[in-house]
Amino acid sequence: MDGGQMRQRSPFIKSRGLKIPKHPEITTGRVRGALREGLYERKECDAVMRVVNEGDTVLELGGGIGYMSTLLSVKKKVARVVSYEANPALIPYIATVHEANGVENVEMRNALLSAQAGDPVDFHVRRNFLGSSMDRDADPDSIVETVKIAQHPVADVLDDVKPDVLVCDIEGAEADLLPAGDWTGLRAAIIELHPQWIGQSGVQAVFDAMQKAGLTYFPKASEAKVVTFRKGW
């Protein structure tokens, strides 16, 4: 390479052996550092690597940037992932993550899983679209678009998908949603709790829902707010 020739920079960040496309609004600051150091969603990733089996069907609630669904597909070689992500601004980026890693067995659904059937709900896309949410009052001046997001009843989805494993990070909605579902078909569940929002009663509701489904807290794959439940361990 000549001294005057610019070295071409990779368009990807390597993370746990995955290729994560660089993005000016997503792979910045702490996110970029965590990705490069293999610390992005570390607790959830460690739990997944411990309890998910090759050939599993996984239901993911909270698709994020597509990192977990890619890890499941590439590293755990699951049969299928059905991933719910409410933020429409993230869906195109998730597609680039999947494409970069040759992922073809993930079905992204830009919708919300709900306790029961309901009308579409408002979702507020913000300039920093990682801060987008259904909460209009959180920084209303930053909202650039409000869109309608469909709600899918949890009973219908579980009957259709028949997941072996649940991976759930839905920013506090776990306290209302999980008790509404029949999770007896699961072998394992990995759930990020948000006690700062759901309180003791919400945490108890999640544990009760898992116990009702025959799943027991599994400490070896749990850390802090990320809790794992398994059958037959």
Protein backbone atom coordinates (compact mmCIF):
# COMPACT_ATOMS: atom_id res chain seq x y z
CA MET A 1 0.00 0.00 0.00
CA ASP A 2 1.44 3.39 -0.97
CA GLY A 3 1.99 5.90 1.79
CA GLY A 4 -0.47 8.26 0.16
CA GLN A 5 -3.15 5.62 -0.23
CA MET A 6 -5.84 5.68 2.42
CA ARG A 7 -6.33 2.39 4.21
CA GLN A 8 -9.88 1.24 3.75
CA ARG A 9 -11.73 0.95 7.04
CA SER A 10 -13.99 -2.00 7.71
CA PRO A 11 -17.71 -1.18 7.61
CA PHE A 12 -18.21 -3.62 10.50
CA ILE A 13 -17.48 -3.94 14.19
CA LYS A 14 -16.49 -7.45 15.22
CA SER A 15 -18.34 -8.63 18.32
CA ARG A 16 -18.38 -12.21 19.64
CA GLY A 17 -17.46 -13.32 16.15
CA LEU A 18 -20.38 -11.42 14.61
CA LYS A 19 -20.18 -8.59 12.07
CA ILE A 20 -22.13 -5.56 13.26
CA PRO A 21 -22.54 -2.86 10.57
CA LYS A 22 -21.39 0.57 11.64
CA HIS A 23 -24.16 3.15 11.91
CA PRO A 24 -23.80 6.85 12.77
CA GLU A 25 -26.68 6.79 15.25
CA ILE A 26 -26.44 3.28 16.70
CA THR A 27 -22.85 2.03 16.91
CA THR A 28 -21.52 5.07 18.74
CA GLY A 29 -20.01 5.83 22.13
CA ARG A 30 -20.65 3.21 24.80
CA VAL A 31 -22.50 0.94 22.39
CA ARG A 32 -19.49 0.81 20.07
CA GLY A 33 -17.13 0.09 22.96
CA ALA A 34 -19.36 -2.62 24.40
CA LEU A 35 -19.68 -4.28 21.01
CA ARG A 36 -15.92 -4.31 20.42
CA GLU A 37 -15.19 -5.69 23.88
CA GLY A 38 -17.88 -8.39 23.67
CA LEU A 39 -19.80 -6.76 26.52
CA TYR A 40 -22.93 -5.71 24.64
CA GLU A 41 -25.95 -7.36 26.36
CA ARG A 42 -23.35 -9.56 28.07
CA LYS A 43 -25.58 -11.03 30.78
CA GLU A 44 -28.30 -12.04 28.31
CA CYS A 45 -25.75 -13.39 25.84
CA ASP A 46 -24.03 -15.48 28.51
CA ALA A 47 -27.38 -16.95 29.57
CA VAL A 48 -28.35 -17.73 25.98
CA MET A 49 -25.03 -19.45 25.31
CA ARG A 50 -25.60 -21.63 28.38
CA VAL A 51 -29.23 -22.74 27.96
CA VAL A 52 -30.22 -22.52 24.28
CA ASN A 53 -29.75 -25.68 22.21
CA GLU A 54 -29.11 -26.21 18.53
CA GLY A 55 -32.42 -26.65 16.73
CA ASP A 56 -34.49 -24.67 19.25
CA THR A 57 -37.29 -22.31 18.28
CA VAL A 58 -36.87 -19.01 20.11
CA LEU A 59 -39.38 -16.24 20.76
CA GLU A 60 -37.58 -12.94 21.32
CA LEU A 61 -39.45 -10.00 22.82
CA GLY A 62 -37.48 -6.81 22.26
CA GLY A 63 -35.38 -7.29 19.14
CA GLY A 64 -33.18 -4.25 19.77
CA ILE A 65 -30.49 -3.87 17.12
CA GLY A 66 -30.72 -7.51 16.02
CA TYR A 67 -27.70 -8.61 18.04
CA MET A 68 -29.35 -11.37 20.04
CA SER A 69 -31.25 -12.88 17.12
CA THR A 70 -28.00 -12.94 15.13
CA LEU A 71 -26.13 -14.59 18.00
CA LEU A 72 -28.86 -17.22 18.29
CA SER A 73 -28.78 -17.96 14.58
CA VAL A 74 -25.02 -17.95 14.02
CA LYS A 75 -23.57 -19.24 17.29
CA LYS A 76 -26.33 -21.48 18.64
CA LYS A 77 -27.67 -22.62 15.26
CA VAL A 78 -31.29 -22.46 16.33
CA ALA A 79 -33.97 -23.59 13.93
CA ARG A 80 -35.95 -20.36 14.06
CA VAL A 81 -36.24 -17.03 15.84
CA VAL A 82 -39.44 -15.01 15.88
CA SER A 83 -38.46 -11.56 17.10
CA TYR A 84 -40.80 -8.73 18.15
CA GLU A 85 -39.51 -5.15 17.98
CA ALA A 86 -41.89 -2.22 18.34
CA ASN A 87 -39.51 0.48 17.08
CA PRO A 88 -40.02 0.77 13.29
CA ALA A 89 -36.83 2.84 12.94
CA LEU A 90 -34.73 -0.16 13.98
CA ILE A 91 -36.17 -2.68 11.51
CA PRO A 92 -34.03 -1.63 8.48
CA TYR A 93 -30.85 -1.71 10.57
CA ILE A 94 -31.69 -5.13 11.97
CA ALA A 95 -32.02 -6.35 8.38
CA THR A 96 -28.45 -5.17 7.66
CA VAL A 97 -27.14 -7.00 10.73
CA HIS A 98 -28.83 -10.21 9.62
CA GLU A 99 -27.61 -9.82 6.05
CA ALA A 100 -24.01 -9.18 7.13
CA ASN A 101 -24.02 -12.46 9.06
CA GLY A 102 -25.93 -14.61 6.57
CA VAL A 103 -28.93 -14.94 8.87
CA GLU A 104 -32.03 -16.26 7.12
CA ASN A 105 -34.00 -17.97 9.90
CA VAL A 106 -35.16 -14.90 11.85
CA GLU A 107 -38.66 -13.52 11.35
CA MET A 108 -38.88 -9.90 12.46
CA ARG A 109 -42.27 -8.61 13.50
CA ASN A 110 -42.68 -4.85 13.92
CA ALA A 111 -45.43 -5.24 16.49
CA LEU A 112 -46.13 -5.59 20.19
CA LEU A 113 -47.02 -8.79 21.98
CA SER A 114 -50.03 -8.00 24.17
CA ALA A 115 -52.04 -9.70 26.88
CA GLN A 116 -55.10 -9.69 24.63
CA ALA A 117 -56.28 -8.44 21.26
CA GLY A 118 -56.37 -4.67 20.90
CA ASP A 119 -56.26 -1.80 18.47
CA PRO A 120 -52.91 -0.55 17.14
CA VAL A 121 -51.11 1.75 19.57
CA ASP A 122 -49.10 4.94 19.07
CA PHE A 123 -45.32 4.61 18.93
CA HIS A 124 -43.25 7.79 18.98
CA VAL A 125 -40.08 7.83 16.86
CA ARG A 126 -37.49 10.31 18.13
CA ARG A 127 -34.49 11.98 16.52
CA ASN A 128 -32.34 9.65 18.60
CA PHE A 129 -34.38 6.66 17.57
CA LEU A 130 -32.86 4.43 20.23
CA GLY A 131 -34.90 6.61 22.61
CA SER A 132 -38.16 6.01 20.74
CA SER A 133 -41.03 4.64 22.81
CA MET A 134 -44.78 4.60 23.42
CA ASP A 135 -44.32 7.28 26.09
CA ARG A 136 -45.11 10.62 24.49
CA ASP A 137 -44.28 12.58 27.63
CA ALA A 138 -40.65 11.46 27.63
CA ASP A 139 -38.95 14.30 25.71
CA PRO A 140 -41.94 15.19 23.47
CA ASP A 141 -39.96 17.83 21.56
CA SER A 142 -37.67 15.15 20.11
CA ILE A 143 -40.50 13.23 18.43
CA VAL A 144 -40.19 13.25 14.64
CA GLU A 145 -42.98 10.82 13.79
CA THR A 146 -45.80 8.93 15.48
CA VAL A 147 -46.82 5.62 13.92
CA LYS A 148 -49.39 2.95 14.69
CA ILE A 149 -48.00 -0.40 15.85
CA ALA A 150 -50.08 -3.57 15.76
CA GLN A 151 -50.71 -5.65 18.87
CA HIS A 152 -50.51 -9.45 18.62
CA PRO A 153 -52.30 -11.43 21.36
CA VAL A 154 -49.83 -13.57 23.31
CA ALA A 155 -52.08 -16.65 23.26
CA ASP A 156 -52.29 -16.66 19.46
CA VAL A 157 -48.53 -16.15 19.06
CA LEU A 158 -47.59 -18.94 21.45
CA ASP A 159 -50.02 -21.29 19.71
CA ASP A 160 -48.49 -20.41 16.33
CA VAL A 161 -44.77 -20.23 17.15
CA LYS A 162 -44.55 -22.97 19.82
CA PRO A 163 -41.23 -21.69 21.19
CA ASP A 164 -38.77 -23.78 23.17
CA VAL A 165 -37.07 -20.71 24.64
CA LEU A 166 -38.20 -17.19 25.50
CA VAL A 167 -35.74 -14.26 25.48
CA CYS A 168 -37.44 -11.17 26.89
CA ASP A 169 -36.29 -7.57 27.36
CA ILE A 170 -39.33 -5.32 27.07
CA GLU A 171 -38.52 -2.41 29.38
CA GLY A 172 -40.95 -3.16 32.20
CA ALA A 173 -43.86 -4.60 30.22
CA GLU A 174 -42.85 -8.09 31.44
CA ALA A 175 -44.88 -7.66 34.65
CA ASP A 176 -48.18 -7.41 32.74
CA LEU A 177 -47.45 -9.54 29.69
CA LEU A 178 -45.84 -12.67 31.12
CA PRO A 179 -48.64 -13.51 33.58
CA ALA A 180 -51.09 -13.35 30.66
CA GLY A 181 -49.41 -16.14 28.67
CA ASP A 182 -49.40 -19.93 28.92
CA TRP A 183 -45.65 -20.65 28.90
CA THR A 184 -45.86 -24.35 29.71
CA GLY A 185 -44.38 -25.25 26.31
CA LEU A 186 -41.06 -23.57 27.15
CA ARG A 187 -37.92 -25.41 28.21
CA ALA A 188 -36.20 -22.18 29.28
CA ALA A 189 -36.79 -18.45 29.62
CA ILE A 190 -34.26 -15.62 29.87
CA ILE A 191 -35.84 -12.42 31.16
CA GLU A 192 -34.36 -9.03 31.91
CA LEU A 193 -36.28 -7.59 34.84
CA HIS A 194 -36.81 -3.87 35.34
CA PRO A 195 -37.51 -3.58 39.08
CA GLN A 196 -36.99 0.18 38.95
CA TRP A 197 -40.29 0.34 37.03
CA ILE A 198 -42.24 -2.77 38.00
CA GLY A 199 -41.33 -2.92 41.70
CA GLN A 200 -41.43 -5.92 43.98
CA SER A 201 -44.96 -6.89 42.93
CA GLY A 202 -43.96 -6.92 39.25
CA VAL A 203 -40.90 -9.05 39.91
CA GLN A 204 -43.04 -11.46 41.92
CA ALA A 205 -45.57 -11.61 39.05
CA VAL A 206 -42.82 -12.69 36.63
CA PHE A 207 -41.53 -15.41 38.97
CA ASP A 208 -45.08 -16.63 39.62
CA ALA A 209 -45.79 -16.83 35.88
CA MET A 210 -42.69 -18.92 35.30
CA GLN A 211 -43.40 -21.20 38.27
CA LYS A 212 -46.95 -21.71 37.00
CA ALA A 213 -45.43 -22.86 33.69
CA GLY A 214 -43.21 -25.41 35.47
CA LEU A 215 -40.02 -23.36 35.06
CA THR A 216 -37.65 -22.94 37.99
CA TYR A 217 -35.16 -20.14 38.62
CA PHE A 218 -31.76 -21.30 37.33
CA PRO A 219 -28.99 -19.43 39.18
CA LYS A 220 -26.10 -20.68 37.04
CA ALA A 221 -27.39 -18.67 34.07
CA SER A 222 -28.72 -15.69 36.03
CA GLU A 223 -26.95 -12.47 36.96
CA ALA A 224 -28.40 -9.40 38.63
CA LYS A 225 -31.54 -8.32 36.72
CA VAL A 226 -31.17 -11.02 34.05
CA VAL A 227 -32.96 -14.09 35.38
CA THR A 228 -33.12 -17.51 33.75
CA PHE A 229 -35.73 -20.19 34.33
CA ARG A 230 -35.46 -23.83 33.23
CA LYS A 231 -37.27 -27.12 33.39
CA GLY A 232 -35.60 -30.26 34.58
CA TRP A 233 -32.26 -28.94 35.70
